[in-house]
Each structure stands twice: as C-alpha cells, then as structure tokens.
C-alpha cells in the first residue's frame, strides 16, 4: 500500500523514449533504450529514498537496479554477437 506522503517517485516508463535520439535499425536497440532509462529511473529513486532516510526502499531499488543491469548486459552481449 502506498503512503499518502510518500516522496518516492513512481517508476513508470516515459512514452518519450528515443524521441530525441536517432533511430537504430538493429533489433533490440529499442529494448536497450528502455533498459537504460529504467537504470536511470532506479538510480534516481534510490537517491530520493536515501535523502528521505528510507533504507528499505534503497535496498529494494538496489535489487531492482541489479536485475535491470543484468538484463542490459545480456542484451548488449546478444547484440554484439549478432553483428
């Protein structure tokens, strides 16, 4: 359940992903952009939680960031092998 005075931002992907970047014709590049944006969002959420003294949220966001980084590394590895 969400707290009413919870200052932590909700992590919802932005619909503007890739709007100001050049399109890449390789498969998976859109997924990479999403993963990189999610990494950024998790890092921001962790910073806000740290400032608010919410250590459990910092740990939870840290675990989420670790998973997203793992997916990012796997996708980059796959894209490099497909060259």
C-alpha atoms as a PDB file:
ATOM      1  CA  UNK A   1       0.000   0.000   0.000  1.00  0.00           C
ATOM      2  CA  UNK A   2       1.308   3.471  -0.869  1.00  0.00           C
ATOM      3  CA  UNK A   3       1.719   6.067   1.807  1.00  0.00           C
ATOM      4  CA  UNK A   4      -0.012   9.372   1.166  1.00  0.00           C
ATOM      5  CA  UNK A   5       3.085  11.456   1.950  1.00  0.00           C
ATOM      6  CA  UNK A   6       5.486   9.124   0.130  1.00  0.00           C
ATOM      7  CA  UNK A   7       8.076  11.336  -1.694  1.00  0.00           C
ATOM      8  CA  UNK A   8       9.482   8.447  -3.731  1.00  0.00           C
ATOM      9  CA  UNK A   9       8.718   8.876  -7.440  1.00  0.00           C
ATOM     10  CA  UNK A  10       6.621   6.226  -9.129  1.00  0.00           C
ATOM     11  CA  UNK A  11       8.716   4.360 -11.673  1.00  0.00           C
ATOM     12  CA  UNK A  12       6.667   4.448 -14.872  1.00  0.00           C
ATOM     13  CA  UNK A  13       8.415   4.318 -18.254  1.00  0.00           C
ATOM     14  CA  UNK A  14       8.268   7.546 -20.185  1.00  0.00           C
ATOM     15  CA  UNK A  15       6.390   7.491 -23.501  1.00  0.00           C
ATOM     16  CA  UNK A  16       9.115   9.728 -24.988  1.00  0.00           C
ATOM     17  CA  UNK A  17      11.795   7.020 -25.098  1.00  0.00           C
ATOM     18  CA  UNK A  18      14.028   7.553 -28.083  1.00  0.00           C
ATOM     19  CA  UNK A  19      12.181  10.669 -29.266  1.00  0.00           C
ATOM     20  CA  UNK A  20      15.314  12.817 -29.378  1.00  0.00           C
ATOM     21  CA  UNK A  21      17.740  10.103 -30.472  1.00  0.00           C
ATOM     22  CA  UNK A  22      18.371   8.793 -33.950  1.00  0.00           C
ATOM     23  CA  UNK A  23      16.570   5.550 -34.738  1.00  0.00           C
ATOM     24  CA  UNK A  24      18.771   2.493 -34.946  1.00  0.00           C
ATOM     25  CA  UNK A  25      17.734  -0.278 -37.310  1.00  0.00           C
ATOM     26  CA  UNK A  26      19.177  -3.106 -35.252  1.00  0.00           C
ATOM     27  CA  UNK A  27      16.717  -5.390 -33.478  1.00  0.00           C
ATOM     28  CA  UNK A  28      16.800  -4.948 -29.724  1.00  0.00           C
ATOM     29  CA  UNK A  29      18.014  -1.352 -29.771  1.00  0.00           C
ATOM     30  CA  UNK A  30      14.619  -0.106 -28.583  1.00  0.00           C
ATOM     31  CA  UNK A  31      14.787  -2.592 -25.709  1.00  0.00           C
ATOM     32  CA  UNK A  32      18.227  -1.295 -24.822  1.00  0.00           C
ATOM     33  CA  UNK A  33      16.905   2.259 -24.670  1.00  0.00           C
ATOM     34  CA  UNK A  34      14.144   1.128 -22.306  1.00  0.00           C
ATOM     35  CA  UNK A  35      16.599  -0.709 -20.065  1.00  0.00           C
ATOM     36  CA  UNK A  36      18.960   2.273 -19.925  1.00  0.00           C
ATOM     37  CA  UNK A  37      16.087   4.571 -18.990  1.00  0.00           C
ATOM     38  CA  UNK A  38      14.980   2.141 -16.284  1.00  0.00           C
ATOM     39  CA  UNK A  39      18.526   2.118 -14.860  1.00  0.00           C
ATOM     40  CA  UNK A  40      18.391   5.894 -14.677  1.00  0.00           C
ATOM     41  CA  UNK A  41      14.978   5.779 -13.003  1.00  0.00           C
ATOM     42  CA  UNK A  42      16.124   3.268 -10.381  1.00  0.00           C
ATOM     43  CA  UNK A  43      19.197   5.359  -9.587  1.00  0.00           C
ATOM     44  CA  UNK A  44      17.032   8.468  -9.180  1.00  0.00           C
ATOM     45  CA  UNK A  45      14.570   6.610  -6.961  1.00  0.00           C
ATOM     46  CA  UNK A  46      17.439   5.318  -4.820  1.00  0.00           C
ATOM     47  CA  UNK A  47      18.795   8.847  -4.386  1.00  0.00           C
ATOM     48  CA  UNK A  48      15.379  10.137  -3.305  1.00  0.00           C
ATOM     49  CA  UNK A  49      14.909   7.253  -0.882  1.00  0.00           C
ATOM     50  CA  UNK A  50      18.373   7.827   0.597  1.00  0.00           C
ATOM     51  CA  UNK A  51      17.615  11.508   1.130  1.00  0.00           C
ATOM     52  CA  UNK A  52      14.325  10.575   2.805  1.00  0.00           C
ATOM     53  CA  UNK A  53      16.082   8.045   5.058  1.00  0.00           C
ATOM     54  CA  UNK A  54      14.077   5.104   3.715  1.00  0.00           C
ATOM     55  CA  UNK A  55      16.664   2.355   3.856  1.00  0.00           C
ATOM     56  CA  UNK A  56      14.271  -0.459   2.956  1.00  0.00           C
ATOM     57  CA  UNK A  57      13.330   1.328  -0.271  1.00  0.00           C
ATOM     58  CA  UNK A  58      17.004   1.930  -1.040  1.00  0.00           C
ATOM     59  CA  UNK A  59      17.664  -1.808  -0.715  1.00  0.00           C
ATOM     60  CA  UNK A  60      14.601  -2.709  -2.813  1.00  0.00           C
ATOM     61  CA  UNK A  61      15.531  -0.260  -5.564  1.00  0.00           C
ATOM     62  CA  UNK A  62      19.111  -1.550  -5.415  1.00  0.00           C
ATOM     63  CA  UNK A  63      17.876  -5.079  -6.064  1.00  0.00           C
ATOM     64  CA  UNK A  64      15.759  -3.834  -8.969  1.00  0.00           C
ATOM     65  CA  UNK A  65      18.714  -1.923 -10.390  1.00  0.00           C
ATOM     66  CA  UNK A  66      20.851  -5.050 -10.184  1.00  0.00           C
ATOM     67  CA  UNK A  67      18.257  -7.006 -12.200  1.00  0.00           C
ATOM     68  CA  UNK A  68      17.939  -4.271 -14.832  1.00  0.00           C
ATOM     69  CA  UNK A  69      21.724  -4.063 -15.191  1.00  0.00           C
ATOM     70  CA  UNK A  70      21.848  -7.822 -15.634  1.00  0.00           C
ATOM     71  CA  UNK A  71      19.258  -7.616 -18.423  1.00  0.00           C
ATOM     72  CA  UNK A  72      21.188  -4.753 -20.003  1.00  0.00           C
ATOM     73  CA  UNK A  73      24.447  -6.715 -20.018  1.00  0.00           C
ATOM     74  CA  UNK A  74      22.690  -9.749 -21.517  1.00  0.00           C
ATOM     75  CA  UNK A  75      21.095  -7.673 -24.264  1.00  0.00           C
ATOM     76  CA  UNK A  76      24.340  -5.874 -25.118  1.00  0.00           C
ATOM     77  CA  UNK A  77      26.127  -9.237 -25.293  1.00  0.00           C
ATOM     78  CA  UNK A  78      23.414 -10.613 -27.591  1.00  0.00           C
ATOM     79  CA  UNK A  79      23.526  -7.531 -29.842  1.00  0.00           C
ATOM     80  CA  UNK A  80      27.316  -7.770 -30.136  1.00  0.00           C
ATOM     81  CA  UNK A  81      27.134 -11.429 -31.098  1.00  0.00           C
ATOM     82  CA  UNK A  82      24.551 -10.634 -33.812  1.00  0.00           C
ATOM     83  CA  UNK A  83      26.856  -8.198 -35.629  1.00  0.00           C
END
